[in-house]
């Protein structure tokens, strides 16, 4: 499974990066490919390319605040999660997406 994600939190500091790390760790541990763009206080880092988005099975977006340029994900399967869930429940998110992909 290939996944892209964009994370952002209201303060744009710790939780933005903690959620990115948790998602990366969980998806890689499960043998999947993930690329996470962070939209923090210092701007956009690890920006997703059009090719990254096109190749993704799923797009994960944190919903605590708006993600910049969300229109680039039009037509993709989007999963919206709270930033705290990305940090605390990343393994469960992987499992849910694996289960959903298996049903198709």
PDB file of N, CA and C in Angstrom:
ATOM      1  N   UNK A   1       0.850  -1.173   0.000  1.00  0.00           N
ATOM      2  CA  UNK A   1       0.000   0.000   0.000  1.00  0.00           C
ATOM      3  C   UNK A   1       0.898   1.239   0.000  1.00  0.00           C
ATOM      4  N   UNK A   2       0.501   2.218  -0.797  1.00  0.00           N
ATOM      5  CA  UNK A   2       1.208   3.499  -0.837  1.00  0.00           C
ATOM      6  C   UNK A   2       0.281   4.573  -0.276  1.00  0.00           C
ATOM      7  N   UNK A   3       0.826   5.345   0.644  1.00  0.00           N
ATOM      8  CA  UNK A   3       0.046   6.369   1.332  1.00  0.00           C
ATOM      9  C   UNK A   3       0.827   7.671   1.319  1.00  0.00           C
ATOM     10  N   UNK A   4       0.099   8.770   1.164  1.00  0.00           N
ATOM     11  CA  UNK A   4       0.677  10.094   1.400  1.00  0.00           C
ATOM     12  C   UNK A   4      -0.148  10.737   2.504  1.00  0.00           C
ATOM     13  N   UNK A   5       0.478  11.640   3.226  1.00  0.00           N
ATOM     14  CA  UNK A   5      -0.211  12.314   4.322  1.00  0.00           C
ATOM     15  C   UNK A   5       0.275  13.753   4.412  1.00  0.00           C
ATOM     16  N   UNK A   6      -0.586  14.590   4.981  1.00  0.00           N
ATOM     17  CA  UNK A   6      -0.209  15.968   5.288  1.00  0.00           C
ATOM     18  C   UNK A   6      -0.673  16.232   6.713  1.00  0.00           C
ATOM     19  N   UNK A   7       0.244  16.713   7.540  1.00  0.00           N
ATOM     20  CA  UNK A   7      -0.079  16.976   8.938  1.00  0.00           C
ATOM     21  C   UNK A   7       0.107  18.451   9.250  1.00  0.00           C
ATOM     22  N   UNK A   8      -0.798  18.956  10.102  1.00  0.00           N
ATOM     23  CA  UNK A   8      -0.723  20.349  10.560  1.00  0.00           C
ATOM     24  C   UNK A   8      -1.476  20.441  11.869  1.00  0.00           C
ATOM     25  N   UNK A   9      -0.975  21.241  12.775  1.00  0.00           N
ATOM     26  CA  UNK A   9      -1.673  21.469  14.041  1.00  0.00           C
ATOM     27  C   UNK A   9      -1.801  22.979  14.240  1.00  0.00           C
ATOM     28  N   UNK A  10      -2.706  23.406  15.119  1.00  0.00           N
ATOM     29  CA  UNK A  10      -2.932  24.846  15.306  1.00  0.00           C
ATOM     30  C   UNK A  10      -1.676  25.651  15.643  1.00  0.00           C
ATOM     31  N   UNK A  11      -0.792  25.092  16.451  1.00  0.00           N
ATOM     32  CA  UNK A  11       0.416  25.850  16.804  1.00  0.00           C
ATOM     33  C   UNK A  11       1.536  25.648  15.782  1.00  0.00           C
ATOM     34  N   UNK A  12       1.436  24.570  14.995  1.00  0.00           N
ATOM     35  CA  UNK A  12       2.423  24.326  13.945  1.00  0.00           C
ATOM     36  C   UNK A  12       3.778  23.905  14.447  1.00  0.00           C
ATOM     37  N   UNK A  13       3.798  23.325  15.638  1.00  0.00           N
ATOM     38  CA  UNK A  13       5.092  22.938  16.187  1.00  0.00           C
ATOM     39  C   UNK A  13       5.106  21.433  16.463  1.00  0.00           C
ATOM     40  N   UNK A  14       5.129  21.046  17.700  1.00  0.00           N
ATOM     41  CA  UNK A  14       5.396  19.662  18.093  1.00  0.00           C
ATOM     42  C   UNK A  14       4.456  18.631  17.474  1.00  0.00           C
ATOM     43  N   UNK A  15       3.156  18.830  17.585  1.00  0.00           N
ATOM     44  CA  UNK A  15       2.227  17.797  17.129  1.00  0.00           C
ATOM     45  C   UNK A  15       2.293  17.558  15.624  1.00  0.00           C
ATOM     46  N   UNK A  16       2.590  18.582  14.859  1.00  0.00           N
ATOM     47  CA  UNK A  16       2.734  18.416  13.414  1.00  0.00           C
ATOM     48  C   UNK A  16       3.803  17.368  13.124  1.00  0.00           C
ATOM     49  N   UNK A  17       4.929  17.478  13.789  1.00  0.00           N
ATOM     50  CA  UNK A  17       6.063  16.588  13.529  1.00  0.00           C
ATOM     51  C   UNK A  17       5.923  15.252  14.248  1.00  0.00           C
ATOM     52  N   UNK A  18       5.339  15.257  15.438  1.00  0.00           N
ATOM     53  CA  UNK A  18       5.116  14.004  16.167  1.00  0.00           C
ATOM     54  C   UNK A  18       4.163  13.102  15.387  1.00  0.00           C
ATOM     55  N   UNK A  19       3.125  13.682  14.808  1.00  0.00           N
ATOM     56  CA  UNK A  19       2.173  12.881  14.037  1.00  0.00           C
ATOM     57  C   UNK A  19       2.828  12.326  12.778  1.00  0.00           C
ATOM     58  N   UNK A  20       3.641  13.124  12.124  1.00  0.00           N
ATOM     59  CA  UNK A  20       4.352  12.649  10.925  1.00  0.00           C
ATOM     60  C   UNK A  20       5.250  11.471  11.271  1.00  0.00           C
ATOM     61  N   UNK A  21       5.997  11.579  12.357  1.00  0.00           N
ATOM     62  CA  UNK A  21       6.896  10.501  12.774  1.00  0.00           C
ATOM     63  C   UNK A  21       6.131   9.241  13.133  1.00  0.00           C
ATOM     64  N   UNK A  22       5.014   9.384  13.838  1.00  0.00           N
ATOM     65  CA  UNK A  22       4.223   8.220  14.248  1.00  0.00           C
ATOM     66  C   UNK A  22       3.644   7.497  13.032  1.00  0.00           C
ATOM     67  N   UNK A  23       3.116   8.263  12.076  1.00  0.00           N
ATOM     68  CA  UNK A  23       2.569   7.647  10.865  1.00  0.00           C
ATOM     69  C   UNK A  23       3.664   6.949  10.064  1.00  0.00           C
ATOM     70  N   UNK A  24       4.792   7.613   9.889  1.00  0.00           N
ATOM     71  CA  UNK A  24       5.902   7.006   9.144  1.00  0.00           C
ATOM     72  C   UNK A  24       6.351   5.707   9.800  1.00  0.00           C
ATOM     73  N   UNK A  25       6.507   5.734  11.093  1.00  0.00           N
ATOM     74  CA  UNK A  25       6.964   4.543  11.828  1.00  0.00           C
ATOM     75  C   UNK A  25       5.965   3.391  11.673  1.00  0.00           C
ATOM     76  N   UNK A  26       4.683   3.660  11.858  1.00  0.00           N
ATOM     77  CA  UNK A  26       3.654   2.610  11.809  1.00  0.00           C
ATOM     78  C   UNK A  26       3.514   2.011  10.410  1.00  0.00           C
ATOM     79  N   UNK A  27       3.481   2.849   9.382  1.00  0.00           N
ATOM     80  CA  UNK A  27       3.315   2.326   8.030  1.00  0.00           C
ATOM     81  C   UNK A  27       4.551   1.564   7.571  1.00  0.00           C
ATOM     82  N   UNK A  28       5.723   2.056   7.874  1.00  0.00           N
ATOM     83  CA  UNK A  28       6.948   1.355   7.488  1.00  0.00           C
ATOM     84  C   UNK A  28       7.067   0.027   8.226  1.00  0.00           C
ATOM     85  N   UNK A  29       6.695   0.014   9.510  1.00  0.00           N
ATOM     86  CA  UNK A  29       6.744  -1.215  10.302  1.00  0.00           C
ATOM     87  C   UNK A  29       5.842  -2.281   9.677  1.00  0.00           C
ATOM     88  N   UNK A  30       4.727  -1.866   9.106  1.00  0.00           N
ATOM     89  CA  UNK A  30       3.772  -2.790   8.491  1.00  0.00           C
ATOM     90  C   UNK A  30       4.143  -3.124   7.039  1.00  0.00           C
ATOM     91  N   UNK A  31       5.248  -2.573   6.545  1.00  0.00           N
ATOM     92  CA  UNK A  31       5.713  -2.890   5.205  1.00  0.00           C
ATOM     93  C   UNK A  31       5.105  -2.056   4.089  1.00  0.00           C
ATOM     94  N   UNK A  32       4.561  -0.896   4.441  1.00  0.00           N
ATOM     95  CA  UNK A  32       3.934  -0.020   3.458  1.00  0.00           C
ATOM     96  C   UNK A  32       4.817   1.196   3.185  1.00  0.00           C
ATOM     97  N   UNK A  33       4.518   1.872   2.086  1.00  0.00           N
ATOM     98  CA  UNK A  33       5.234   3.082   1.709  1.00  0.00           C
ATOM     99  C   UNK A  33       4.407   4.292   2.115  1.00  0.00           C
ATOM    100  N   UNK A  34       5.046   5.253   2.761  1.00  0.00           N
ATOM    101  CA  UNK A  34       4.353   6.486   3.143  1.00  0.00           C
ATOM    102  C   UNK A  34       5.294   7.665   2.980  1.00  0.00           C
ATOM    103  N   UNK A  35       4.726   8.772   2.552  1.00  0.00           N
ATOM    104  CA  UNK A  35       5.450  10.048   2.517  1.00  0.00           C
ATOM    105  C   UNK A  35       4.557  11.067   3.206  1.00  0.00           C
ATOM    106  N   UNK A  36       5.131  11.779   4.173  1.00  0.00           N
ATOM    107  CA  UNK A  36       4.354  12.726   4.966  1.00  0.00           C
ATOM    108  C   UNK A  36       4.882  14.143   4.768  1.00  0.00           C
ATOM    109  N   UNK A  37       3.994  15.017   4.357  1.00  0.00           N
ATOM    110  CA  UNK A  37       4.278  16.445   4.246  1.00  0.00           C
ATOM    111  C   UNK A  37       3.877  17.097   5.569  1.00  0.00           C
ATOM    112  N   UNK A  38       4.751  17.928   6.112  1.00  0.00           N
ATOM    113  CA  UNK A  38       4.403  18.667   7.325  1.00  0.00           C
ATOM    114  C   UNK A  38       4.167  20.126   6.966  1.00  0.00           C
ATOM    115  N   UNK A  39       3.122  20.672   7.570  1.00  0.00           N
ATOM    116  CA  UNK A  39       2.793  22.082   7.376  1.00  0.00           C
ATOM    117  C   UNK A  39       2.869  22.739   8.746  1.00  0.00           C
ATOM    118  N   UNK A  40       4.105  23.039   9.140  1.00  0.00           N
ATOM    119  CA  UNK A  40       4.351  23.581  10.465  1.00  0.00           C
ATOM    120  C   UNK A  40       4.605  25.072  10.467  1.00  0.00           C
ATOM    121  N   UNK A  41       5.065  25.535  11.595  1.00  0.00           N
ATOM    122  CA  UNK A  41       5.299  26.966  11.769  1.00  0.00           C
ATOM    123  C   UNK A  41       6.405  27.499  10.865  1.00  0.00           C
ATOM    124  N   UNK A  42       7.285  26.613  10.389  1.00  0.00           N
ATOM    125  CA  UNK A  42       8.364  27.057   9.500  1.00  0.00           C
ATOM    126  C   UNK A  42       8.020  26.819   8.031  1.00  0.00           C
ATOM    127  N   UNK A  43       6.750  26.481   7.770  1.00  0.00           N
ATOM    128  CA  UNK A  43       6.297  26.287   6.397  1.00  0.00           C
ATOM    129  C   UNK A  43       6.137  24.822   6.042  1.00  0.00           C
ATOM    130  N   UNK A  44       5.991  24.577   4.752  1.00  0.00           N
ATOM    131  CA  UNK A  44       5.783  23.223   4.247  1.00  0.00           C
ATOM    132  C   UNK A  44       7.136  22.544   4.090  1.00  0.00           C
ATOM    133  N   UNK A  45       7.231  21.334   4.638  1.00  0.00           N
ATOM    134  CA  UNK A  45       8.451  20.541   4.493  1.00  0.00           C
ATOM    135  C   UNK A  45       8.083  19.178   3.922  1.00  0.00           C
ATOM    136  N   UNK A  46       9.001  18.580   3.167  1.00  0.00           N
ATOM    137  CA  UNK A  46       8.799  17.269   2.556  1.00  0.00           C
ATOM    138  C   UNK A  46       7.559  17.305   1.651  1.00  0.00           C
ATOM    139  N   UNK A  47       7.447  18.361   0.862  1.00  0.00           N
ATOM    140  CA  UNK A  47       6.257  18.606   0.053  1.00  0.00           C
ATOM    141  C   UNK A  47       5.945  17.437  -0.873  1.00  0.00           C
ATOM    142  N   UNK A  48       4.678  17.055  -0.908  1.00  0.00           N
ATOM    143  CA  UNK A  48       4.215  15.974  -1.771  1.00  0.00           C
ATOM    144  C   UNK A  48       4.201  16.453  -3.219  1.00  0.00           C
ATOM    145  N   UNK A  49       4.705  15.626  -4.112  1.00  0.00           N
ATOM    146  CA  UNK A  49       4.688  15.953  -5.530  1.00  0.00           C
ATOM    147  C   UNK A  49       3.401  15.415  -6.161  1.00  0.00           C
ATOM    148  N   UNK A  50       3.118  15.863  -7.371  1.00  0.00           N
ATOM    149  CA  UNK A  50       1.953  15.355  -8.101  1.00  0.00           C
ATOM    150  C   UNK A  50       2.082  13.848  -8.300  1.00  0.00           C
ATOM    151  N   UNK A  51       3.298  13.366  -8.543  1.00  0.00           N
ATOM    152  CA  UNK A  51       3.522  11.926  -8.720  1.00  0.00           C
ATOM    153  C   UNK A  51       3.259  11.174  -7.418  1.00  0.00           C
ATOM    154  N   UNK A  52       3.694  11.733  -6.276  1.00  0.00           N
ATOM    155  CA  UNK A  52       3.425  11.100  -4.982  1.00  0.00           C
ATOM    156  C   UNK A  52       1.927  10.889  -4.792  1.00  0.00           C
ATOM    157  N   UNK A  53       1.174  11.935  -5.061  1.00  0.00           N
ATOM    158  CA  UNK A  53      -0.282  11.890  -4.881  1.00  0.00           C
ATOM    159  C   UNK A  53      -0.911  10.911  -5.870  1.00  0.00           C
ATOM    160  N   UNK A  54      -0.491  10.956  -7.113  1.00  0.00           N
ATOM    161  CA  UNK A  54      -1.065  10.086  -8.146  1.00  0.00           C
ATOM    162  C   UNK A  54      -0.873   8.609  -7.824  1.00  0.00           C
ATOM    163  N   UNK A  55       0.271   8.267  -7.242  1.00  0.00           N
ATOM    164  CA  UNK A  55       0.591   6.867  -6.944  1.00  0.00           C
ATOM    165  C   UNK A  55      -0.029   6.364  -5.646  1.00  0.00           C
ATOM    166  N   UNK A  56      -0.575   7.245  -4.841  1.00  0.00           N
ATOM    167  CA  UNK A  56      -1.075   6.866  -3.508  1.00  0.00           C
ATOM    168  C   UNK A  56      -2.402   6.132  -3.563  1.00  0.00           C
ATOM    169  N   UNK A  57      -2.515   5.101  -2.735  1.00  0.00           N
ATOM    170  CA  UNK A  57      -3.790   4.411  -2.544  1.00  0.00           C
ATOM    171  C   UNK A  57      -4.701   5.226  -1.638  1.00  0.00           C
ATOM    172  N   UNK A  58      -4.099   5.903  -0.669  1.00  0.00           N
ATOM    173  CA  UNK A  58      -4.843   6.720   0.293  1.00  0.00           C
ATOM    174  C   UNK A  58      -4.100   8.010   0.577  1.00  0.00           C
ATOM    175  N   UNK A  59      -4.879   9.024   0.963  1.00  0.00           N
ATOM    176  CA  UNK A  59      -4.347  10.294   1.432  1.00  0.00           C
ATOM    177  C   UNK A  59      -4.852  10.475   2.856  1.00  0.00           C
ATOM    178  N   UNK A  60      -3.944  10.676   3.793  1.00  0.00           N
ATOM    179  CA  UNK A  60      -4.312  10.937   5.181  1.00  0.00           C
ATOM    180  C   UNK A  60      -4.091  12.418   5.443  1.00  0.00           C
ATOM    181  N   UNK A  61      -5.131  13.084   5.949  1.00  0.00           N
ATOM    182  CA  UNK A  61      -5.038  14.500   6.286  1.00  0.00           C
ATOM    183  C   UNK A  61      -5.459  14.687   7.731  1.00  0.00           C
ATOM    184  N   UNK A  62      -4.660  15.429   8.481  1.00  0.00           N
ATOM    185  CA  UNK A  62      -5.105  15.764   9.829  1.00  0.00           C
ATOM    186  C   UNK A  62      -6.166  16.850   9.708  1.00  0.00           C
ATOM    187  N   UNK A  63      -7.137  16.807  10.612  1.00  0.00           N
ATOM    188  CA  UNK A  63      -8.278  17.710  10.472  1.00  0.00           C
ATOM    189  C   UNK A  63      -8.395  18.743  11.579  1.00  0.00           C
ATOM    190  N   UNK A  64      -7.357  18.927  12.358  1.00  0.00           N
ATOM    191  CA  UNK A  64      -7.399  19.906  13.442  1.00  0.00           C
ATOM    192  C   UNK A  64      -7.389  21.332  12.905  1.00  0.00           C
ATOM    193  N   UNK A  65      -6.865  21.486  11.710  1.00  0.00           N
ATOM    194  CA  UNK A  65      -6.883  22.772  11.004  1.00  0.00           C
ATOM    195  C   UNK A  65      -6.748  22.486   9.515  1.00  0.00           C
ATOM    196  N   UNK A  66      -7.034  23.464   8.693  1.00  0.00           N
ATOM    197  CA  UNK A  66      -7.011  23.261   7.253  1.00  0.00           C
ATOM    198  C   UNK A  66      -5.644  22.893   6.713  1.00  0.00           C
ATOM    199  N   UNK A  67      -5.636  22.004   5.737  1.00  0.00           N
ATOM    200  CA  UNK A  67      -4.415  21.622   5.040  1.00  0.00           C
ATOM    201  C   UNK A  67      -4.306  22.499   3.791  1.00  0.00           C
ATOM    202  N   UNK A  68      -3.147  23.080   3.578  1.00  0.00           N
ATOM    203  CA  UNK A  68      -2.941  23.955   2.428  1.00  0.00           C
ATOM    204  C   UNK A  68      -2.980  23.161   1.127  1.00  0.00           C
ATOM    205  N   UNK A  69      -3.593  23.743   0.124  1.00  0.00           N
ATOM    206  CA  UNK A  69      -3.639  23.178  -1.230  1.00  0.00           C
ATOM    207  C   UNK A  69      -4.299  21.793  -1.256  1.00  0.00           C
ATOM    208  N   UNK A  70      -5.358  21.668  -0.488  1.00  0.00           N
ATOM    209  CA  UNK A  70      -6.052  20.385  -0.406  1.00  0.00           C
ATOM    210  C   UNK A  70      -6.656  19.948  -1.739  1.00  0.00           C
ATOM    211  N   UNK A  71      -6.883  20.878  -2.637  1.00  0.00           N
ATOM    212  CA  UNK A  71      -7.475  20.541  -3.932  1.00  0.00           C
ATOM    213  C   UNK A  71      -6.628  19.556  -4.729  1.00  0.00           C
ATOM    214  N   UNK A  72      -5.344  19.454  -4.440  1.00  0.00           N
ATOM    215  CA  UNK A  72      -4.471  18.527  -5.182  1.00  0.00           C
ATOM    216  C   UNK A  72      -4.798  17.066  -4.904  1.00  0.00           C
ATOM    217  N   UNK A  73      -5.640  16.818  -3.886  1.00  0.00           N
ATOM    218  CA  UNK A  73      -6.020  15.453  -3.538  1.00  0.00           C
ATOM    219  C   UNK A  73      -7.380  15.059  -4.114  1.00  0.00           C
ATOM    220  N   UNK A  74      -7.961  15.900  -4.950  1.00  0.00           N
ATOM    221  CA  UNK A  74      -9.272  15.626  -5.545  1.00  0.00           C
ATOM    222  C   UNK A  74      -9.253  14.278  -6.265  1.00  0.00           C
ATOM    223  N   UNK A  75     -10.291  13.491  -6.022  1.00  0.00           N
ATOM    224  CA  UNK A  75     -10.405  12.191  -6.667  1.00  0.00           C
ATOM    225  C   UNK A  75      -9.699  11.057  -5.948  1.00  0.00           C
ATOM    226  N   UNK A  76      -8.962  11.357  -4.894  1.00  0.00           N
ATOM    227  CA  UNK A  76      -8.244  10.326  -4.136  1.00  0.00           C
ATOM    228  C   UNK A  76      -9.085   9.901  -2.925  1.00  0.00           C
ATOM    229  N   UNK A  77      -8.800   8.731  -2.399  1.00  0.00           N
ATOM    230  CA  UNK A  77      -9.449   8.267  -1.172  1.00  0.00           C
ATOM    231  C   UNK A  77      -8.799   9.009  -0.012  1.00  0.00           C
ATOM    232  N   UNK A  78      -9.577   9.861   0.646  1.00  0.00           N
ATOM    233  CA  UNK A  78      -9.042  10.700   1.721  1.00  0.00           C
ATOM    234  C   UNK A  78      -9.541  10.207   3.070  1.00  0.00           C
ATOM    235  N   UNK A  79      -8.616  10.090   4.005  1.00  0.00           N
ATOM    236  CA  UNK A  79      -8.923   9.717   5.375  1.00  0.00           C
ATOM    237  C   UNK A  79      -8.552  10.910   6.249  1.00  0.00           C
ATOM    238  N   UNK A  80      -9.528  11.419   6.987  1.00  0.00           N
ATOM    239  CA  UNK A  80      -9.283  12.568   7.867  1.00  0.00           C
ATOM    240  C   UNK A  80      -9.214  12.092   9.311  1.00  0.00           C
ATOM    241  N   UNK A  81      -8.145  12.496   9.972  1.00  0.00           N
ATOM    242  CA  UNK A  81      -7.939  12.056  11.354  1.00  0.00           C
ATOM    243  C   UNK A  81      -7.544  13.241  12.234  1.00  0.00           C
ATOM    244  N   UNK A  82      -7.808  13.090  13.507  1.00  0.00           N
ATOM    245  CA  UNK A  82      -7.341  14.080  14.475  1.00  0.00           C
ATOM    246  C   UNK A  82      -5.832  13.890  14.643  1.00  0.00           C
ATOM    247  N   UNK A  83      -5.144  14.963  14.878  1.00  0.00           N
ATOM    248  CA  UNK A  83      -3.686  14.878  14.988  1.00  0.00           C
ATOM    249  C   UNK A  83      -3.275  14.003  16.172  1.00  0.00           C
ATOM    250  N   UNK A  84      -4.055  14.049  17.252  1.00  0.00           N
ATOM    251  CA  UNK A  84      -3.767  13.199  18.408  1.00  0.00           C
ATOM    252  C   UNK A  84      -3.892  11.725  18.074  1.00  0.00           C
ATOM    253  N   UNK A  85      -4.853  11.377  17.218  1.00  0.00           N
ATOM    254  CA  UNK A  85      -5.003   9.982  16.799  1.00  0.00           C
ATOM    255  C   UNK A  85      -3.822   9.539  15.942  1.00  0.00           C
ATOM    256  N   UNK A  86      -3.305  10.436  15.130  1.00  0.00           N
ATOM    257  CA  UNK A  86      -2.127  10.097  14.326  1.00  0.00           C
ATOM    258  C   UNK A  86      -0.953   9.744  15.234  1.00  0.00           C
ATOM    259  N   UNK A  87      -0.858  10.428  16.354  1.00  0.00           N
ATOM    260  CA  UNK A  87       0.244  10.187  17.285  1.00  0.00           C
ATOM    261  C   UNK A  87      -0.004   8.921  18.114  1.00  0.00           C
ATOM    262  N   UNK A  88      -1.204   8.798  18.655  1.00  0.00           N
ATOM    263  CA  UNK A  88      -1.501   7.725  19.608  1.00  0.00           C
ATOM    264  C   UNK A  88      -2.030   6.445  18.984  1.00  0.00           C
ATOM    265  N   UNK A  89      -2.614   6.536  17.799  1.00  0.00           N
ATOM    266  CA  UNK A  89      -3.293   5.380  17.201  1.00  0.00           C
ATOM    267  C   UNK A  89      -2.810   5.066  15.785  1.00  0.00           C
ATOM    268  N   UNK A  90      -1.567   5.361  15.497  1.00  0.00           N
ATOM    269  CA  UNK A  90      -1.050   5.165  14.137  1.00  0.00           C
ATOM    270  C   UNK A  90      -1.141   3.703  13.696  1.00  0.00           C
ATOM    271  N   UNK A  91      -0.849   2.769  14.590  1.00  0.00           N
ATOM    272  CA  UNK A  91      -0.936   1.354  14.225  1.00  0.00           C
ATOM    273  C   UNK A  91      -2.367   0.964  13.868  1.00  0.00           C
ATOM    274  N   UNK A  92      -3.338   1.483  14.604  1.00  0.00           N
ATOM    275  CA  UNK A  92      -4.750   1.195  14.325  1.00  0.00           C
ATOM    276  C   UNK A  92      -5.175   1.795  12.987  1.00  0.00           C
ATOM    277  N   UNK A  93      -4.637   2.954  12.648  1.00  0.00           N
ATOM    278  CA  UNK A  93      -4.934   3.581  11.358  1.00  0.00           C
ATOM    279  C   UNK A  93      -4.420   2.695  10.222  1.00  0.00           C
ATOM    280  N   UNK A  94      -3.212   2.174  10.377  1.00  0.00           N
ATOM    281  CA  UNK A  94      -2.658   1.254   9.376  1.00  0.00           C
ATOM    282  C   UNK A  94      -3.586   0.058   9.209  1.00  0.00           C
ATOM    283  N   UNK A  95      -3.989  -0.545  10.306  1.00  0.00           N
ATOM    284  CA  UNK A  95      -4.846  -1.735  10.271  1.00  0.00           C
ATOM    285  C   UNK A  95      -6.174  -1.442   9.566  1.00  0.00           C
ATOM    286  N   UNK A  96      -6.782  -0.307   9.888  1.00  0.00           N
ATOM    287  CA  UNK A  96      -8.062   0.047   9.245  1.00  0.00           C
ATOM    288  C   UNK A  96      -7.900   0.197   7.732  1.00  0.00           C
ATOM    289  N   UNK A  97      -6.814   0.823   7.308  1.00  0.00           N
ATOM    290  CA  UNK A  97      -6.601   0.996   5.878  1.00  0.00           C
ATOM    291  C   UNK A  97      -6.286  -0.345   5.199  1.00  0.00           C
ATOM    292  N   UNK A  98      -5.530  -1.197   5.879  1.00  0.00           N
ATOM    293  CA  UNK A  98      -5.267  -2.531   5.333  1.00  0.00           C
ATOM    294  C   UNK A  98      -6.575  -3.297   5.176  1.00  0.00           C
ATOM    295  N   UNK A  99      -7.420  -3.250   6.190  1.00  0.00           N
ATOM    296  CA  UNK A  99      -8.717  -3.944   6.132  1.00  0.00           C
ATOM    297  C   UNK A  99      -9.574  -3.389   5.006  1.00  0.00           C
ATOM    298  N   UNK A 100      -9.599  -2.075   4.886  1.00  0.00           N
ATOM    299  CA  UNK A 100     -10.430  -1.448   3.847  1.00  0.00           C
ATOM    300  C   UNK A 100      -9.906  -1.794   2.454  1.00  0.00           C
ATOM    301  N   UNK A 101      -8.610  -1.780   2.271  1.00  0.00           N
ATOM    302  CA  UNK A 101      -8.026  -2.090   0.961  1.00  0.00           C
ATOM    303  C   UNK A 101      -8.310  -3.545   0.589  1.00  0.00           C
ATOM    304  N   UNK A 102      -8.306  -4.422   1.594  1.00  0.00           N
ATOM    305  CA  UNK A 102      -8.594  -5.830   1.360  1.00  0.00           C
ATOM    306  C   UNK A 102     -10.022  -6.098   0.947  1.00  0.00           C
ATOM    307  N   UNK A 103     -10.946  -5.215   1.320  1.00  0.00           N
ATOM    308  CA  UNK A 103     -12.362  -5.391   0.992  1.00  0.00           C
ATOM    309  C   UNK A 103     -12.672  -5.026  -0.447  1.00  0.00           C
ATOM    310  N   UNK A 104     -11.783  -4.338  -1.108  1.00  0.00           N
ATOM    311  CA  UNK A 104     -12.077  -3.846  -2.460  1.00  0.00           C
ATOM    312  C   UNK A 104     -11.786  -4.884  -3.509  1.00  0.00           C
TER     313      UNK A 104
END
